[in-house]
Amino acid sequence: MINETYRTMLQGKSIIRELSEYAAKRGQEIGYHNVFDYSLGNPSVPCPKEYTEAMIQILKEEDPMTVHGYSPSLGIQSVRKAIADSLNRRFSMDYEEEHIFMASGAAGALAHGFRCVTKPGDEILVFAPYFPEYGPYITQTGAVMKVVSADTDDLQINFKALEEQMNEKVMAVLVNTPNNPSGIAYSPKTMERLGDFLEMKQKQYGHDIFLISDEPYREIVFQGTEPVYVSKFYDNTISCYSFSKSLSLPGERIGYVAVNPRCRGAKDLAAMCGQISRGIGHNCPPSSVQLAVARILDKTSDLSVYETNRDLLYDALTGLGFQVVKPGGTFYMFPKALEEDAAIFCQKAKAYDLILVPSDNFGVPGYFRMAYCMDTEKVKRSVPVLERFVKAEYPGVGER
């Protein structure tokens, strides 16, 4: 018998993917350089040359059985140690290799992290605006996702709403900073307050509450924003990292789980991930890729283009009358639409070959996401198109 759960999911495909597919098709008609596709968060800068050189050297010189064979269930030991050492050096932590589990990107890391600390029926809180795929990521573990509504003034955590949603069934809270879709980076003050709140609730309920930190954009932080390492603020933290954005390697599907050494059960959690893999088949990312990233852990791609693009778009949008909280990182922006229904707003934009993602699936109606991971030249060319769109469809907006 066909599983109806997954058949039903066919009717709820990702709006981001649908818009990206539309943009590609439209590009075939008029040339993709004429389509201003702000839909998909696909890195637009090349991976570091050091990664390519490391991969070439590994393929040429390493034992083929090591390079192409299965890695151990938890990942290659030397790679896990190198990651622990890098995190300790960069963030003054005290990880050991036993706290690291190699995963297929942040999605794979989250799939393990959720299962480590919840059972079916438990609740996981997420903060709006949030990445829509958190829905299936969480619900397919059997846990229940509950959304904490947004503070749209600054898009930091809405602590009043958090207090309202918190209850004894909550076993984990998910944070994503810098955030997709808003680009907002949580401040140290926000993280300190969250850590104190969760400590208080653990004592009140008499059980652990884990903080799961989704960190694919950790390295993309702009000037004027104070970066935070989430595990510094709360002991029961599980970090889920991806090299997709920092090294521009989304197709390589490589990341890791890092269990805070002060976490309850820290010595068991990474090992448990190996057992979870037996049930979900999300295990043993490519050995060659593990070996290559381990050689360049403190490197990134040239990420400066994202801040340049941020500045161009922020100035253009605010000049046109949009309300925007200025992003502190990532390559996303989350402006308020110029009418109540963001889907209608984005549909109108398509007529100008501006591909924008409405915010309904991000948990905050009335906004839209722009993924500005594209050539700066194309961002510049999109500005007059944005101006023409606004003046034609929303005359009078932004006029002083």
Foldseek 3Di string as FASTA:
>chain_A
DDDVVVVVCVVVDDPLVVLVVVLVVVCVVVNSLQFAAQRDQAFQFAFDVLLVVLLVCCVVPPDCCLQFPFAPFQGNQVLLQLVQVVCCVVPVARFGSLQKGKFQFLLRALLLVLLLFDAAAAEEEEEFLADLVVCVSNVVRNYHYDYQYAPVVARQGPVVSVVVPDDLSAQEYEDEAVGPAALAGHAPVSLLVVQVVQVVVCVVNVHHHAYEYRYAWQPFFDPPGDGDDNCVRHQRYKYRYGLCHFRVPNVQRITMIGHRPSHVVSSCSSVVSSVVCVVVVRGRRRSSSSSSCSVVVVHGTPNVVLVVLLVLVVVLQVLQQWDWNRRRGDNKHKIFAPDQAQVVSQVLLVVLSHHWAARVSSNDHRIIMGRRSHDPVSSVVCSVSVVVSCCVPPNPRNDD
